[in-house]
Amino acid sequence: MSLMILGILLWVLPHSFKRLAPHRHLMLLPQIKAIDAALILIGTALMVIGYRSVEVTPDDNLYTPLPGIGHLNNLLMLVAIYLFGVSGSRSILIDKMRHPMLTGMLLWAVSHLLVNGDYVSVILFGSLGVWAVTEMVLINLAGPWKRPKPGSLMGDLKNLIGTLLFYGIIVWLHGLILGHSLFLGTYP
């Protein structure tokens, strides 16, 4: 559990530093960006390793997920992944949503909380969901939104293709690392 919590901290702190730091211009230095990226990657690995290392029994459930809710999880994950790619693909949503990536992260957290009721999952996914909301609030407090130029349907097509490919990779990794199939709706 401590590895997972350390992983959460190594994810949250580098992401939050640029919002809380008084000298934001330092975040543009290549060395700082590299350290940031390394900490986030290490944090992600520690979250996965820490999550997998905790033995969870049915007695550890804080709530019982609804039967068949895994299909809603899968749909929300597709939407979340699509939102992650809105900015990079110049989707038509790019000038309509201020926080597509953070909204995707929040959807990712909520979708995982729908199918995992144990305390370890609540700590992991709940923490990352709270982080996403906190980031949105901090960004909104920093000043008004400068809307980017409108995107295009071609950007949406690219994003859709990327979403489907990335979703396929996630399904494969879940089967490989976590041992359950998302397409078949078999959750732990």
N, C-alpha and C. Protein backbone atom coordinates (compact mmCIF):
# COMPACT_ATOMS: atom_id res chain seq x y z
N MET A 1 0.82 -1.19 0.00
CA MET A 1 0.00 0.00 0.00
C MET A 1 0.87 1.26 0.00
N SER A 2 1.98 1.22 0.71
CA SER A 2 2.84 2.40 0.78
C SER A 2 3.45 2.71 -0.59
N LEU A 3 3.73 1.69 -1.39
CA LEU A 3 4.24 1.94 -2.75
C LEU A 3 3.20 2.68 -3.58
N MET A 4 1.94 2.26 -3.44
CA MET A 4 0.88 2.90 -4.20
C MET A 4 0.72 4.36 -3.77
N ILE A 5 0.76 4.62 -2.48
CA ILE A 5 0.62 5.99 -1.99
C ILE A 5 1.80 6.85 -2.44
N LEU A 6 3.01 6.26 -2.41
CA LEU A 6 4.18 6.99 -2.93
C LEU A 6 3.99 7.28 -4.42
N GLY A 7 3.46 6.31 -5.15
CA GLY A 7 3.18 6.52 -6.58
C GLY A 7 2.19 7.63 -6.81
N ILE A 8 1.14 7.68 -5.99
CA ILE A 8 0.15 8.75 -6.12
C ILE A 8 0.82 10.11 -5.89
N LEU A 9 1.66 10.18 -4.86
CA LEU A 9 2.36 11.44 -4.57
C LEU A 9 3.30 11.83 -5.72
N LEU A 10 3.99 10.84 -6.29
CA LEU A 10 4.90 11.13 -7.40
C LEU A 10 4.14 11.50 -8.68
N TRP A 11 2.88 11.17 -8.74
CA TRP A 11 2.04 11.61 -9.86
C TRP A 11 1.52 13.03 -9.60
N VAL A 12 0.98 13.23 -8.41
CA VAL A 12 0.30 14.48 -8.07
C VAL A 12 1.27 15.65 -7.95
N LEU A 13 2.36 15.47 -7.23
CA LEU A 13 3.27 16.59 -6.96
C LEU A 13 3.88 17.19 -8.22
N PRO A 14 4.45 16.40 -9.13
CA PRO A 14 4.99 17.03 -10.35
C PRO A 14 3.91 17.72 -11.20
N HIS A 15 2.71 17.12 -11.24
CA HIS A 15 1.64 17.75 -11.99
C HIS A 15 1.18 19.05 -11.33
N SER A 16 1.20 19.08 -10.01
CA SER A 16 0.70 20.25 -9.28
C SER A 16 1.75 21.35 -9.13
N PHE A 17 3.01 21.00 -9.24
CA PHE A 17 4.08 21.98 -9.02
C PHE A 17 3.92 23.19 -9.93
N LYS A 18 3.61 22.94 -11.20
CA LYS A 18 3.51 24.07 -12.13
C LYS A 18 2.32 24.97 -11.82
N ARG A 19 1.32 24.47 -11.11
CA ARG A 19 0.18 25.29 -10.72
C ARG A 19 0.48 26.09 -9.45
N LEU A 20 1.30 25.51 -8.57
CA LEU A 20 1.53 26.11 -7.26
C LEU A 20 2.84 26.88 -7.17
N ALA A 21 3.75 26.62 -8.10
CA ALA A 21 5.08 27.24 -8.03
C ALA A 21 5.02 28.72 -8.38
N PRO A 22 5.69 29.55 -7.61
CA PRO A 22 5.70 30.98 -7.92
C PRO A 22 6.52 31.31 -9.17
N HIS A 23 7.46 30.48 -9.52
CA HIS A 23 8.32 30.73 -10.69
C HIS A 23 8.00 29.71 -11.79
N ARG A 24 6.83 29.87 -12.38
CA ARG A 24 6.37 28.91 -13.39
C ARG A 24 7.28 28.85 -14.60
N HIS A 25 7.99 29.92 -14.87
CA HIS A 25 8.88 29.92 -16.04
C HIS A 25 9.98 28.85 -15.91
N LEU A 26 10.32 28.46 -14.68
CA LEU A 26 11.32 27.41 -14.48
C LEU A 26 10.83 26.06 -15.01
N MET A 27 9.50 25.88 -15.05
CA MET A 27 8.93 24.63 -15.55
C MET A 27 9.22 24.42 -17.03
N LEU A 28 9.61 25.47 -17.73
CA LEU A 28 9.89 25.37 -19.16
C LEU A 28 11.29 24.85 -19.45
N LEU A 29 12.16 24.81 -18.43
CA LEU A 29 13.52 24.31 -18.64
C LEU A 29 13.48 22.84 -18.99
N PRO A 30 14.24 22.42 -20.01
CA PRO A 30 14.22 21.01 -20.42
C PRO A 30 14.59 20.05 -19.29
N GLN A 31 15.52 20.44 -18.43
CA GLN A 31 15.91 19.57 -17.32
C GLN A 31 14.75 19.34 -16.36
N ILE A 32 14.00 20.40 -16.08
CA ILE A 32 12.85 20.29 -15.17
C ILE A 32 11.76 19.44 -15.81
N LYS A 33 11.54 19.63 -17.09
CA LYS A 33 10.54 18.82 -17.80
C LYS A 33 10.92 17.34 -17.76
N ALA A 34 12.21 17.05 -17.92
CA ALA A 34 12.67 15.66 -17.90
C ALA A 34 12.50 15.05 -16.51
N ILE A 35 12.83 15.81 -15.48
CA ILE A 35 12.67 15.33 -14.10
C ILE A 35 11.19 15.10 -13.81
N ASP A 36 10.37 16.05 -14.24
CA ASP A 36 8.91 15.93 -14.08
C ASP A 36 8.40 14.64 -14.73
N ALA A 37 8.78 14.42 -15.97
CA ALA A 37 8.33 13.23 -16.70
C ALA A 37 8.81 11.95 -16.02
N ALA A 38 10.06 11.95 -15.56
CA ALA A 38 10.60 10.76 -14.89
C ALA A 38 9.83 10.47 -13.60
N LEU A 39 9.56 11.51 -12.83
CA LEU A 39 8.81 11.31 -11.58
C LEU A 39 7.40 10.79 -11.85
N ILE A 40 6.77 11.29 -12.89
CA ILE A 40 5.42 10.85 -13.23
C ILE A 40 5.44 9.39 -13.70
N LEU A 41 6.42 9.02 -14.51
CA LEU A 41 6.54 7.62 -14.94
C LEU A 41 6.81 6.68 -13.77
N ILE A 42 7.71 7.08 -12.90
CA ILE A 42 8.01 6.27 -11.71
C ILE A 42 6.77 6.17 -10.83
N GLY A 43 6.06 7.29 -10.68
CA GLY A 43 4.84 7.29 -9.89
C GLY A 43 3.79 6.35 -10.47
N THR A 44 3.64 6.36 -11.78
CA THR A 44 2.68 5.47 -12.44
C THR A 44 3.05 4.01 -12.19
N ALA A 45 4.32 3.68 -12.35
CA ALA A 45 4.78 2.30 -12.11
C ALA A 45 4.54 1.90 -10.66
N LEU A 46 4.84 2.79 -9.73
CA LEU A 46 4.63 2.48 -8.31
C LEU A 46 3.16 2.31 -7.97
N MET A 47 2.29 3.10 -8.62
CA MET A 47 0.85 2.93 -8.38
C MET A 47 0.40 1.54 -8.83
N VAL A 48 0.84 1.12 -10.01
CA VAL A 48 0.45 -0.20 -10.52
C VAL A 48 1.01 -1.31 -9.62
N ILE A 49 2.31 -1.24 -9.31
CA ILE A 49 2.94 -2.26 -8.47
C ILE A 49 2.30 -2.28 -7.09
N GLY A 50 2.12 -1.09 -6.50
CA GLY A 50 1.51 -1.01 -5.18
C GLY A 50 0.08 -1.52 -5.16
N TYR A 51 -0.69 -1.17 -6.17
CA TYR A 51 -2.09 -1.62 -6.27
C TYR A 51 -2.15 -3.14 -6.38
N ARG A 52 -1.28 -3.67 -7.22
CA ARG A 52 -1.27 -5.14 -7.43
C ARG A 52 -0.77 -5.91 -6.20
N SER A 53 0.03 -5.25 -5.38
CA SER A 53 0.63 -5.97 -4.24
C SER A 53 -0.30 -6.10 -3.04
N VAL A 54 -1.40 -5.37 -3.03
CA VAL A 54 -2.32 -5.42 -1.89
C VAL A 54 -3.32 -6.56 -2.11
N GLU A 55 -3.37 -7.48 -1.16
CA GLU A 55 -4.35 -8.57 -1.20
C GLU A 55 -5.70 -8.03 -0.76
N VAL A 56 -6.67 -8.11 -1.63
CA VAL A 56 -8.01 -7.60 -1.32
C VAL A 56 -8.96 -8.79 -1.25
N THR A 57 -9.75 -8.83 -0.19
CA THR A 57 -10.77 -9.87 -0.02
C THR A 57 -12.15 -9.21 -0.12
N PRO A 58 -13.20 -10.00 -0.30
CA PRO A 58 -14.55 -9.41 -0.35
C PRO A 58 -14.90 -8.61 0.91
N ASP A 59 -14.27 -8.95 2.03
CA ASP A 59 -14.51 -8.20 3.27
C ASP A 59 -13.93 -6.78 3.21
N ASP A 60 -13.04 -6.53 2.26
CA ASP A 60 -12.41 -5.22 2.12
C ASP A 60 -13.25 -4.24 1.31
N ASN A 61 -14.39 -4.70 0.81
CA ASN A 61 -15.23 -3.83 0.00
C ASN A 61 -15.94 -2.79 0.85
N LEU A 62 -15.85 -1.55 0.43
CA LEU A 62 -16.61 -0.47 1.07
C LEU A 62 -18.03 -0.42 0.49
N TYR A 63 -18.16 -0.89 -0.75
CA TYR A 63 -19.47 -1.00 -1.39
C TYR A 63 -19.36 -2.09 -2.45
N THR A 64 -20.50 -2.59 -2.88
CA THR A 64 -20.54 -3.64 -3.89
C THR A 64 -20.99 -3.02 -5.22
N PRO A 65 -20.14 -3.12 -6.25
CA PRO A 65 -20.53 -2.57 -7.55
C PRO A 65 -21.80 -3.26 -8.08
N LEU A 66 -22.59 -2.51 -8.81
CA LEU A 66 -23.81 -3.06 -9.38
C LEU A 66 -23.48 -4.12 -10.42
N PRO A 67 -24.29 -5.17 -10.51
CA PRO A 67 -24.07 -6.20 -11.55
C PRO A 67 -24.18 -5.58 -12.94
N GLY A 68 -23.29 -5.94 -13.83
CA GLY A 68 -23.31 -5.46 -15.21
C GLY A 68 -22.77 -4.06 -15.40
N ILE A 69 -22.27 -3.43 -14.35
CA ILE A 69 -21.80 -2.05 -14.44
C ILE A 69 -20.50 -1.95 -15.25
N GLY A 70 -19.85 -3.07 -15.48
CA GLY A 70 -18.61 -3.08 -16.25
C GLY A 70 -18.77 -2.53 -17.65
N HIS A 71 -19.96 -2.69 -18.22
CA HIS A 71 -20.19 -2.17 -19.57
C HIS A 71 -20.21 -0.64 -19.58
N LEU A 72 -20.78 -0.06 -18.53
CA LEU A 72 -20.74 1.40 -18.40
C LEU A 72 -19.30 1.87 -18.20
N ASN A 73 -18.53 1.11 -17.43
CA ASN A 73 -17.11 1.41 -17.24
C ASN A 73 -16.40 1.46 -18.60
N ASN A 74 -16.65 0.47 -19.43
CA ASN A 74 -15.99 0.42 -20.74
C ASN A 74 -16.36 1.62 -21.60
N LEU A 75 -17.64 2.00 -21.59
CA LEU A 75 -18.08 3.15 -22.36
C LEU A 75 -17.45 4.44 -21.84
N LEU A 76 -17.45 4.62 -20.52
CA LEU A 76 -16.84 5.82 -19.93
C LEU A 76 -15.35 5.88 -20.23
N MET A 77 -14.69 4.73 -20.27
CA MET A 77 -13.26 4.71 -20.60
C MET A 77 -13.01 5.15 -22.04
N LEU A 78 -13.88 4.74 -22.95
CA LEU A 78 -13.73 5.20 -24.34
C LEU A 78 -13.86 6.72 -24.41
N VAL A 79 -14.84 7.26 -23.70
CA VAL A 79 -15.03 8.71 -23.69
C VAL A 79 -13.83 9.40 -23.04
N ALA A 80 -13.34 8.82 -21.92
CA ALA A 80 -12.19 9.40 -21.23
C ALA A 80 -10.97 9.45 -22.14
N ILE A 81 -10.70 8.36 -22.82
CA ILE A 81 -9.54 8.30 -23.71
C ILE A 81 -9.71 9.30 -24.86
N TYR A 82 -10.93 9.41 -25.37
CA TYR A 82 -11.19 10.38 -26.42
C TYR A 82 -10.88 11.80 -25.93
N LEU A 83 -11.31 12.11 -24.71
CA LEU A 83 -11.06 13.44 -24.15
C LEU A 83 -9.57 13.69 -23.94
N PHE A 84 -8.79 12.64 -23.62
CA PHE A 84 -7.34 12.81 -23.47
C PHE A 84 -6.73 13.32 -24.77
N GLY A 85 -7.30 12.91 -25.90
CA GLY A 85 -6.71 13.26 -27.20
C GLY A 85 -7.25 14.51 -27.85
N VAL A 86 -8.21 15.19 -27.22
CA VAL A 86 -8.85 16.36 -27.85
C VAL A 86 -7.84 17.43 -28.24
N SER A 87 -6.94 17.79 -27.35
CA SER A 87 -5.98 18.86 -27.64
C SER A 87 -4.97 18.45 -28.70
N GLY A 88 -4.42 17.26 -28.56
CA GLY A 88 -3.40 16.81 -29.49
C GLY A 88 -3.90 16.62 -30.91
N SER A 89 -5.18 16.29 -31.05
CA SER A 89 -5.72 16.02 -32.39
C SER A 89 -6.42 17.24 -33.00
N ARG A 90 -6.55 18.31 -32.21
CA ARG A 90 -7.26 19.52 -32.64
C ARG A 90 -8.72 19.19 -32.98
N SER A 91 -9.37 18.43 -32.11
CA SER A 91 -10.76 18.04 -32.25
C SER A 91 -11.66 19.28 -32.24
N ILE A 92 -12.91 19.12 -32.67
CA ILE A 92 -13.84 20.25 -32.64
C ILE A 92 -14.19 20.65 -31.20
N LEU A 93 -13.88 19.81 -30.24
CA LEU A 93 -14.12 20.15 -28.84
C LEU A 93 -13.04 21.06 -28.24
N ILE A 94 -11.95 21.25 -28.95
CA ILE A 94 -10.80 21.95 -28.37
C ILE A 94 -11.13 23.37 -27.90
N ASP A 95 -12.03 24.05 -28.58
CA ASP A 95 -12.38 25.40 -28.16
C ASP A 95 -13.70 25.46 -27.38
N LYS A 96 -14.24 24.28 -27.06
CA LYS A 96 -15.50 24.22 -26.34
C LYS A 96 -15.34 23.69 -24.91
N MET A 97 -14.23 23.04 -24.63
CA MET A 97 -13.97 22.50 -23.29
C MET A 97 -12.65 23.04 -22.78
N ARG A 98 -12.65 23.60 -21.60
CA ARG A 98 -11.41 24.15 -21.06
C ARG A 98 -10.47 23.05 -20.57
N HIS A 99 -11.01 21.98 -20.05
CA HIS A 99 -10.19 20.94 -19.43
C HIS A 99 -10.51 19.54 -19.97
N PRO A 100 -10.34 19.29 -21.26
CA PRO A 100 -10.71 17.96 -21.76
C PRO A 100 -9.89 16.84 -21.14
N MET A 101 -8.58 17.04 -20.98
CA MET A 101 -7.74 15.98 -20.44
C MET A 101 -8.06 15.70 -18.97
N LEU A 102 -8.24 16.75 -18.19
CA LEU A 102 -8.57 16.57 -16.78
C LEU A 102 -9.98 16.00 -16.62
N THR A 103 -10.90 16.38 -17.50
CA THR A 103 -12.23 15.79 -17.48
C THR A 103 -12.14 14.30 -17.82
N GLY A 104 -11.28 13.96 -18.78
CA GLY A 104 -11.05 12.55 -19.10
C GLY A 104 -10.48 11.80 -17.91
N MET A 105 -9.57 12.43 -17.19
CA MET A 105 -8.99 11.80 -16.00
C MET A 105 -10.05 11.57 -14.93
N LEU A 106 -10.92 12.55 -14.75
CA LEU A 106 -12.01 12.40 -13.78
C LEU A 106 -12.95 11.28 -14.20
N LEU A 107 -13.29 11.20 -15.48
CA LEU A 107 -14.12 10.11 -15.98
C LEU A 107 -13.44 8.76 -15.78
N TRP A 108 -12.13 8.71 -16.01
CA TRP A 108 -11.35 7.49 -15.79
C TRP A 108 -11.47 7.05 -14.33
N ALA A 109 -11.31 7.99 -13.41
CA ALA A 109 -11.40 7.67 -11.98
C ALA A 109 -12.80 7.19 -11.62
N VAL A 110 -13.82 7.91 -12.06
CA VAL A 110 -15.20 7.54 -11.74
C VAL A 110 -15.53 6.18 -12.31
N SER A 111 -15.13 5.93 -13.56
CA SER A 111 -15.45 4.64 -14.19
C SER A 111 -14.81 3.48 -13.43
N HIS A 112 -13.62 3.69 -12.90
CA HIS A 112 -12.96 2.63 -12.13
C HIS A 112 -13.60 2.46 -10.76
N LEU A 113 -14.09 3.55 -10.19
CA LEU A 113 -14.79 3.44 -8.90
C LEU A 113 -16.13 2.72 -9.06
N LEU A 114 -16.72 2.79 -10.25
CA LEU A 114 -17.98 2.08 -10.48
C LEU A 114 -17.82 0.57 -10.39
N VAL A 115 -16.64 0.05 -10.77
CA VAL A 115 -16.45 -1.41 -10.82
C VAL A 115 -15.55 -1.94 -9.71
N ASN A 116 -14.99 -1.06 -8.90
CA ASN A 116 -14.09 -1.49 -7.82
C ASN A 116 -14.54 -0.83 -6.52
N GLY A 117 -15.04 -1.62 -5.59
CA GLY A 117 -15.54 -1.07 -4.34
C GLY A 117 -14.63 -1.27 -3.15
N ASP A 118 -13.45 -1.84 -3.36
CA ASP A 118 -12.54 -2.09 -2.24
C ASP A 118 -11.81 -0.81 -1.84
N TYR A 119 -11.32 -0.80 -0.62
CA TYR A 119 -10.69 0.42 -0.09
C TYR A 119 -9.43 0.82 -0.86
N VAL A 120 -8.70 -0.14 -1.39
CA VAL A 120 -7.47 0.17 -2.15
C VAL A 120 -7.83 0.94 -3.43
N SER A 121 -8.86 0.47 -4.12
CA SER A 121 -9.31 1.14 -5.34
C SER A 121 -9.85 2.53 -5.03
N VAL A 122 -10.58 2.65 -3.93
CA VAL A 122 -11.14 3.96 -3.56
C VAL A 122 -10.01 4.95 -3.28
N ILE A 123 -8.96 4.47 -2.61
CA ILE A 123 -7.81 5.35 -2.33
C ILE A 123 -7.13 5.76 -3.64
N LEU A 124 -6.86 4.79 -4.51
CA LEU A 124 -6.15 5.09 -5.76
C LEU A 124 -6.98 5.96 -6.70
N PHE A 125 -8.13 5.44 -7.10
CA PHE A 125 -8.93 6.15 -8.10
C PHE A 125 -9.57 7.41 -7.52
N GLY A 126 -9.95 7.36 -6.25
CA GLY A 126 -10.50 8.55 -5.60
C GLY A 126 -9.47 9.66 -5.53
N SER A 127 -8.24 9.32 -5.17
CA SER A 127 -7.18 10.33 -5.08
C SER A 127 -6.93 11.00 -6.43
N LEU A 128 -6.87 10.19 -7.48
CA LEU A 128 -6.60 10.76 -8.80
C LEU A 128 -7.79 11.57 -9.31
N GLY A 129 -9.01 11.17 -8.95
CA GLY A 129 -10.18 11.96 -9.30
C GLY A 129 -10.20 13.31 -8.59
N VAL A 130 -9.86 13.27 -7.29
CA VAL A 130 -9.79 14.52 -6.52
C VAL A 130 -8.69 15.41 -7.08
N TRP A 131 -7.56 14.81 -7.46
CA TRP A 131 -6.47 15.59 -8.06
C TRP A 131 -6.95 16.30 -9.34
N ALA A 132 -7.68 15.58 -10.20
CA ALA A 132 -8.16 16.17 -11.46
C ALA A 132 -9.07 17.36 -11.19
N VAL A 133 -9.99 17.22 -10.25
CA VAL A 133 -10.90 18.33 -9.93
C VAL A 133 -10.11 19.50 -9.35
N THR A 134 -9.16 19.21 -8.46
CA THR A 134 -8.33 20.26 -7.85
C THR A 134 -7.55 21.01 -8.93
N GLU A 135 -6.98 20.30 -9.87
CA GLU A 135 -6.25 20.94 -10.97
C GLU A 135 -7.15 21.87 -11.77
N MET A 136 -8.38 21.41 -12.05
CA MET A 136 -9.31 22.26 -12.81
C MET A 136 -9.60 23.55 -12.04
N VAL A 137 -9.81 23.41 -10.74
CA VAL A 137 -10.10 24.60 -9.91
C VAL A 137 -8.90 25.54 -9.91
N LEU A 138 -7.69 25.00 -9.73
CA LEU A 138 -6.49 25.85 -9.69
C LEU A 138 -6.27 26.56 -11.03
N ILE A 139 -6.50 25.85 -12.12
CA ILE A 139 -6.34 26.47 -13.44
C ILE A 139 -7.37 27.59 -13.62
N ASN A 140 -8.61 27.33 -13.21
CA ASN A 140 -9.66 28.34 -13.34
C ASN A 140 -9.36 29.58 -12.50
N LEU A 141 -8.77 29.37 -11.32
CA LEU A 141 -8.43 30.48 -10.45
C LEU A 141 -7.25 31.30 -10.98
N ALA A 142 -6.44 30.67 -11.83
CA ALA A 142 -5.24 31.34 -12.35
C ALA A 142 -5.57 32.45 -13.35
N GLY A 143 -6.74 32.42 -13.92
CA GLY A 143 -7.10 33.47 -14.86
C GLY A 143 -8.08 33.00 -15.90
N PRO A 144 -8.53 33.91 -16.75
CA PRO A 144 -9.52 33.55 -17.78
C PRO A 144 -8.92 32.63 -18.83
N TRP A 145 -9.79 31.89 -19.47
CA TRP A 145 -9.40 30.94 -20.50
C TRP A 145 -9.19 31.65 -21.82
N LYS A 146 -8.04 31.41 -22.42
CA LYS A 146 -7.78 31.91 -23.77
C LYS A 146 -8.14 30.76 -24.72
N ARG A 147 -9.28 30.88 -25.34
CA ARG A 147 -9.76 29.80 -26.20
C ARG A 147 -8.80 29.55 -27.37
N PRO A 148 -8.48 28.30 -27.61
CA PRO A 148 -7.66 27.99 -28.78
C PRO A 148 -8.48 28.13 -30.06
N LYS A 149 -7.79 28.10 -31.17
CA LYS A 149 -8.48 28.15 -32.46
C LYS A 149 -9.37 26.91 -32.58
N PRO A 150 -10.50 27.05 -33.28
CA PRO A 150 -11.40 25.90 -33.44
C PRO A 150 -10.70 24.72 -34.13
N GLY A 151 -11.13 23.54 -33.74
CA GLY A 151 -10.60 22.32 -34.35
C GLY A 151 -11.41 21.93 -35.57
N SER A 152 -11.17 20.70 -36.03
CA SER A 152 -11.84 20.26 -37.25
C SER A 152 -12.35 18.83 -37.09
N LEU A 153 -13.22 18.44 -38.01
CA LEU A 153 -13.71 17.06 -38.02
C LEU A 153 -12.57 16.08 -38.33
N MET A 154 -11.59 16.53 -39.11
CA MET A 154 -10.43 15.67 -39.38
C MET A 154 -9.69 15.39 -38.07
N GLY A 155 -9.61 16.38 -37.19
CA GLY A 155 -9.02 16.17 -35.88
C GLY A 155 -9.79 15.14 -35.07
N ASP A 156 -11.13 15.19 -35.19
CA ASP A 156 -11.96 14.20 -34.50
C ASP A 156 -11.74 12.80 -35.06
N LEU A 157 -11.59 12.70 -36.37
CA LEU A 157 -11.35 11.40 -36.99
C LEU A 157 -10.02 10.83 -36.50
N LYS A 158 -8.98 11.66 -36.49
CA LYS A 158 -7.67 11.22 -35.97
C LYS A 158 -7.79 10.79 -34.52
N ASN A 159 -8.52 11.58 -33.73
CA ASN A 159 -8.69 11.27 -32.32
C ASN A 159 -9.45 9.96 -32.13
N LEU A 160 -10.47 9.74 -32.93
CA LEU A 160 -11.24 8.50 -32.84
C LEU A 160 -10.37 7.28 -33.14
N ILE A 161 -9.56 7.37 -34.18
CA ILE A 161 -8.65 6.27 -34.53
C ILE A 161 -7.65 6.04 -33.40
N GLY A 162 -7.06 7.14 -32.89
CA GLY A 162 -6.13 7.03 -31.77
C GLY A 162 -6.79 6.46 -30.53
N THR A 163 -8.03 6.87 -30.27
CA THR A 163 -8.78 6.37 -29.11
C THR A 163 -8.97 4.87 -29.20
N LEU A 164 -9.39 4.40 -30.36
CA LEU A 164 -9.63 2.96 -30.52
C LEU A 164 -8.33 2.16 -30.38
N LEU A 165 -7.24 2.67 -30.96
CA LEU A 165 -5.95 1.99 -30.83
C LEU A 165 -5.48 1.96 -29.37
N PHE A 166 -5.56 3.10 -28.71
CA PHE A 166 -5.12 3.20 -27.32
C PHE A 166 -6.01 2.35 -26.42
N TYR A 167 -7.30 2.32 -26.68
CA TYR A 167 -8.22 1.49 -25.91
C TYR A 167 -7.85 0.01 -26.06
N GLY A 168 -7.52 -0.38 -27.28
CA GLY A 168 -7.09 -1.77 -27.50
C GLY A 168 -5.84 -2.11 -26.71
N ILE A 169 -4.90 -1.19 -26.66
CA ILE A 169 -3.67 -1.41 -25.87
C ILE A 169 -4.01 -1.53 -24.39
N ILE A 170 -4.92 -0.68 -23.91
CA ILE A 170 -5.32 -0.74 -22.50
C ILE A 170 -5.98 -2.07 -22.18
N VAL A 171 -6.86 -2.53 -23.05
CA VAL A 171 -7.52 -3.82 -22.84
C VAL A 171 -6.48 -4.93 -22.77
N TRP A 172 -5.53 -4.90 -23.67
CA TRP A 172 -4.47 -5.91 -23.68
C TRP A 172 -3.64 -5.85 -22.39
N LEU A 173 -3.26 -4.62 -21.98
CA LEU A 173 -2.47 -4.48 -20.75
C LEU A 173 -3.24 -4.90 -19.51
N HIS A 174 -4.55 -4.61 -19.46
CA HIS A 174 -5.35 -5.05 -18.32
C HIS A 174 -5.34 -6.58 -18.23
N GLY A 175 -5.47 -7.23 -19.36
CA GLY A 175 -5.43 -8.69 -19.36
C GLY A 175 -4.07 -9.21 -18.94
N LEU A 176 -3.02 -8.57 -19.43
CA LEU A 176 -1.66 -8.99 -19.13
C LEU A 176 -1.28 -8.72 -17.67
N ILE A 177 -1.54 -7.51 -17.18
CA ILE A 177 -1.09 -7.10 -15.85
C ILE A 177 -2.08 -7.47 -14.77
N LEU A 178 -3.37 -7.21 -15.03
CA LEU A 178 -4.37 -7.41 -13.98
C LEU A 178 -5.10 -8.74 -14.09
N GLY A 179 -5.00 -9.39 -15.24
CA GLY A 179 -5.57 -10.73 -15.38
C GLY A 179 -7.08 -10.76 -15.59
N HIS A 180 -7.68 -9.69 -16.11
CA HIS A 180 -9.09 -9.76 -16.43
C HIS A 180 -9.37 -9.05 -17.74
N SER A 181 -10.40 -9.55 -18.42
CA SER A 181 -10.72 -9.04 -19.74
C SER A 181 -11.80 -7.98 -19.66
N LEU A 182 -11.51 -6.80 -20.19
CA LEU A 182 -12.50 -5.72 -20.19
C LEU A 182 -13.61 -5.98 -21.20
N PHE A 183 -13.27 -6.61 -22.35
CA PHE A 183 -14.29 -6.83 -23.35
C PHE A 183 -15.33 -7.84 -22.89
N LEU A 184 -14.90 -8.81 -22.11
CA LEU A 184 -15.82 -9.83 -21.64
C LEU A 184 -16.56 -9.40 -20.38
N GLY A 185 -16.18 -8.26 -19.82
CA GLY A 185 -16.84 -7.77 -18.63
C GLY A 185 -16.47 -8.55 -17.38
N THR A 186 -15.33 -9.23 -17.40
CA THR A 186 -14.91 -10.00 -16.23
C THR A 186 -13.96 -9.14 -15.40
N TYR A 187 -14.47 -8.67 -14.30
CA TYR A 187 -13.72 -7.80 -13.42
C TYR A 187 -13.42 -8.57 -12.14
N PRO A 188 -12.36 -8.14 -11.43
CA PRO A 188 -12.01 -8.86 -10.21
C PRO A 188 -13.10 -8.77 -9.15
